C-alpha cells in the first residue's frame, strides 16, 4: 500500500475534512503510542498503519 492509498482510505472512512486531524491526534498503542501520522513519518508501512486504524475505528471487513 502506498501513502496515497492510505490517505484515500482515511478520507473514505472519516471524511476528507477530519481524516488528517484524526491521524494527527489519535494515539494508538498498537503503533507504540504514536499517532498514524507519527508512525508514517517514522517509516512504519502504510499497510501496517492502516491495519491499526482499521482496528481502532472498528471498520467493517469490507474496508480492510
N, C-alpha and C. Protein backbone atom coordinates (compact mmCIF):
# COMPACT_ATOMS: atom_id res chain seq x y z
N UNK A 1 0.85 -1.17 0.00
CA UNK A 1 0.00 0.00 0.00
C UNK A 1 0.90 1.24 0.00
N UNK A 2 0.54 2.20 -0.81
CA UNK A 2 1.25 3.48 -0.86
C UNK A 2 0.59 4.48 0.09
N UNK A 3 1.33 5.53 0.38
CA UNK A 3 0.78 6.58 1.24
C UNK A 3 -0.50 7.17 0.65
N UNK A 4 -0.54 7.32 -0.66
CA UNK A 4 -1.74 7.91 -1.29
C UNK A 4 -2.96 7.03 -1.06
N UNK A 5 -2.78 5.71 -1.14
CA UNK A 5 -3.91 4.80 -0.90
C UNK A 5 -4.32 4.86 0.57
N UNK A 6 -3.34 4.95 1.47
CA UNK A 6 -3.65 5.08 2.89
C UNK A 6 -4.53 6.30 3.12
N UNK A 7 -4.14 7.46 2.58
CA UNK A 7 -4.90 8.69 2.79
C UNK A 7 -6.26 8.64 2.10
N UNK A 8 -6.34 7.97 0.96
CA UNK A 8 -7.64 7.78 0.31
C UNK A 8 -8.58 6.98 1.20
N UNK A 9 -8.04 5.93 1.84
CA UNK A 9 -8.86 5.12 2.74
C UNK A 9 -9.26 5.92 3.97
N UNK A 10 -8.34 6.71 4.49
CA UNK A 10 -8.66 7.55 5.65
C UNK A 10 -9.78 8.53 5.30
N UNK A 11 -9.66 9.17 4.14
CA UNK A 11 -10.69 10.12 3.69
C UNK A 11 -12.03 9.44 3.54
N UNK A 12 -12.02 8.22 3.02
CA UNK A 12 -13.27 7.48 2.84
C UNK A 12 -13.89 7.13 4.19
N UNK A 13 -13.06 6.72 5.14
CA UNK A 13 -13.55 6.28 6.45
C UNK A 13 -14.02 7.43 7.33
N UNK A 14 -13.29 8.56 7.27
CA UNK A 14 -13.55 9.65 8.21
C UNK A 14 -13.97 10.97 7.56
N UNK A 15 -13.86 11.04 6.26
CA UNK A 15 -14.13 12.29 5.56
C UNK A 15 -12.85 13.08 5.39
N UNK A 16 -12.75 13.74 4.27
CA UNK A 16 -11.52 14.47 3.94
C UNK A 16 -11.22 15.59 4.93
N UNK A 17 -12.24 16.19 5.50
CA UNK A 17 -12.03 17.30 6.43
C UNK A 17 -11.51 16.85 7.79
N UNK A 18 -11.77 15.60 8.17
CA UNK A 18 -11.44 15.14 9.51
C UNK A 18 -10.28 14.14 9.55
N UNK A 19 -10.01 13.46 8.45
CA UNK A 19 -9.05 12.35 8.48
C UNK A 19 -7.65 12.78 8.90
N UNK A 20 -7.17 13.90 8.43
CA UNK A 20 -5.82 14.35 8.81
C UNK A 20 -5.76 14.74 10.28
N UNK A 21 -6.77 15.39 10.76
CA UNK A 21 -6.80 15.76 12.18
C UNK A 21 -6.81 14.52 13.05
N UNK A 22 -7.64 13.55 12.69
CA UNK A 22 -7.71 12.31 13.45
C UNK A 22 -6.35 11.62 13.46
N UNK A 23 -5.72 11.57 12.30
CA UNK A 23 -4.41 10.91 12.18
C UNK A 23 -3.34 11.63 12.99
N UNK A 24 -3.49 12.92 13.18
CA UNK A 24 -2.53 13.71 13.96
C UNK A 24 -2.79 13.65 15.46
N UNK A 25 -4.01 13.34 15.87
CA UNK A 25 -4.38 13.44 17.29
C UNK A 25 -4.57 12.10 18.01
N UNK A 26 -4.93 11.06 17.29
CA UNK A 26 -5.30 9.80 17.93
C UNK A 26 -4.08 8.90 18.12
N UNK A 27 -3.72 8.68 19.37
CA UNK A 27 -2.58 7.83 19.71
C UNK A 27 -3.07 6.39 19.82
N UNK A 28 -2.31 5.49 19.21
CA UNK A 28 -2.68 4.07 19.22
C UNK A 28 -1.56 3.24 19.84
N UNK A 29 -1.90 2.47 20.83
CA UNK A 29 -0.90 1.63 21.49
C UNK A 29 -0.30 0.64 20.50
N UNK A 30 -1.10 0.21 19.55
CA UNK A 30 -0.64 -0.74 18.53
C UNK A 30 0.51 -0.16 17.69
N UNK A 31 0.60 1.15 17.65
CA UNK A 31 1.68 1.82 16.92
C UNK A 31 2.72 2.37 17.89
N UNK A 32 2.90 1.67 19.00
CA UNK A 32 3.88 2.04 20.03
C UNK A 32 3.63 3.43 20.59
N UNK A 33 2.35 3.73 20.80
CA UNK A 33 2.00 5.01 21.41
C UNK A 33 2.17 6.21 20.49
N UNK A 34 2.09 5.95 19.18
CA UNK A 34 2.19 7.03 18.20
C UNK A 34 0.86 7.22 17.50
N UNK A 35 0.74 8.38 16.90
CA UNK A 35 -0.40 8.62 16.03
C UNK A 35 -0.11 8.00 14.67
N UNK A 36 -1.12 7.93 13.82
CA UNK A 36 -0.90 7.41 12.46
C UNK A 36 0.11 8.28 11.72
N UNK A 37 0.01 9.58 11.87
CA UNK A 37 0.94 10.48 11.19
C UNK A 37 2.37 10.28 11.68
N UNK A 38 2.52 10.13 12.99
CA UNK A 38 3.86 9.91 13.55
C UNK A 38 4.43 8.58 13.09
N UNK A 39 3.60 7.56 13.06
CA UNK A 39 4.06 6.24 12.62
C UNK A 39 4.51 6.27 11.16
N UNK A 40 3.73 6.93 10.32
CA UNK A 40 4.13 7.05 8.91
C UNK A 40 5.44 7.80 8.78
N UNK A 41 5.59 8.89 9.51
CA UNK A 41 6.81 9.69 9.46
C UNK A 41 8.02 8.90 9.97
N UNK A 42 7.78 7.96 10.88
CA UNK A 42 8.86 7.14 11.43
C UNK A 42 9.22 5.96 10.53
N UNK A 43 8.49 5.80 9.42
CA UNK A 43 8.81 4.75 8.47
C UNK A 43 7.99 3.48 8.59
N UNK A 44 6.97 3.49 9.45
CA UNK A 44 6.08 2.33 9.53
C UNK A 44 5.30 2.26 8.23
N UNK A 45 5.13 1.06 7.72
CA UNK A 45 4.46 0.92 6.42
C UNK A 45 3.01 1.39 6.50
N UNK A 46 2.55 2.04 5.44
CA UNK A 46 1.15 2.47 5.41
C UNK A 46 0.17 1.31 5.62
N UNK A 47 0.52 0.13 5.15
CA UNK A 47 -0.34 -1.04 5.33
C UNK A 47 -0.48 -1.37 6.81
N UNK A 48 0.61 -1.33 7.55
CA UNK A 48 0.58 -1.62 8.99
C UNK A 48 -0.19 -0.53 9.73
N UNK A 49 0.01 0.72 9.34
CA UNK A 49 -0.70 1.82 9.98
C UNK A 49 -2.20 1.70 9.69
N UNK A 50 -2.56 1.40 8.45
CA UNK A 50 -3.96 1.25 8.12
C UNK A 50 -4.60 0.13 8.94
N UNK A 51 -3.89 -0.98 9.12
CA UNK A 51 -4.43 -2.09 9.90
C UNK A 51 -4.74 -1.63 11.33
N UNK A 52 -3.87 -0.82 11.90
CA UNK A 52 -4.10 -0.30 13.25
C UNK A 52 -5.30 0.65 13.27
N UNK A 53 -5.38 1.50 12.26
CA UNK A 53 -6.50 2.44 12.16
C UNK A 53 -7.80 1.65 12.00
N UNK A 54 -7.78 0.66 11.14
CA UNK A 54 -8.97 -0.15 10.86
C UNK A 54 -9.50 -0.79 12.15
N UNK A 55 -8.58 -1.35 12.93
CA UNK A 55 -8.99 -1.98 14.19
C UNK A 55 -9.48 -0.94 15.20
N UNK A 56 -8.80 0.20 15.28
CA UNK A 56 -9.17 1.24 16.23
C UNK A 56 -10.57 1.78 15.93
N UNK A 57 -10.84 2.00 14.66
CA UNK A 57 -12.14 2.54 14.26
C UNK A 57 -13.23 1.47 14.16
N UNK A 58 -12.83 0.19 14.30
CA UNK A 58 -13.77 -0.92 14.19
C UNK A 58 -14.55 -0.83 12.88
N UNK A 59 -13.81 -0.66 11.79
CA UNK A 59 -14.41 -0.56 10.47
C UNK A 59 -14.83 -1.94 9.99
N UNK A 60 -15.77 -1.99 9.04
CA UNK A 60 -16.22 -3.29 8.52
C UNK A 60 -15.11 -4.00 7.76
N UNK A 61 -15.22 -5.31 7.69
CA UNK A 61 -14.24 -6.13 7.00
C UNK A 61 -14.05 -5.67 5.55
N UNK A 62 -15.10 -5.18 4.94
CA UNK A 62 -15.02 -4.74 3.55
C UNK A 62 -14.03 -3.58 3.35
N UNK A 63 -13.68 -2.89 4.43
CA UNK A 63 -12.74 -1.77 4.32
C UNK A 63 -11.33 -2.14 4.76
N UNK A 64 -11.11 -3.39 5.03
CA UNK A 64 -9.78 -3.82 5.44
C UNK A 64 -8.86 -3.72 4.28
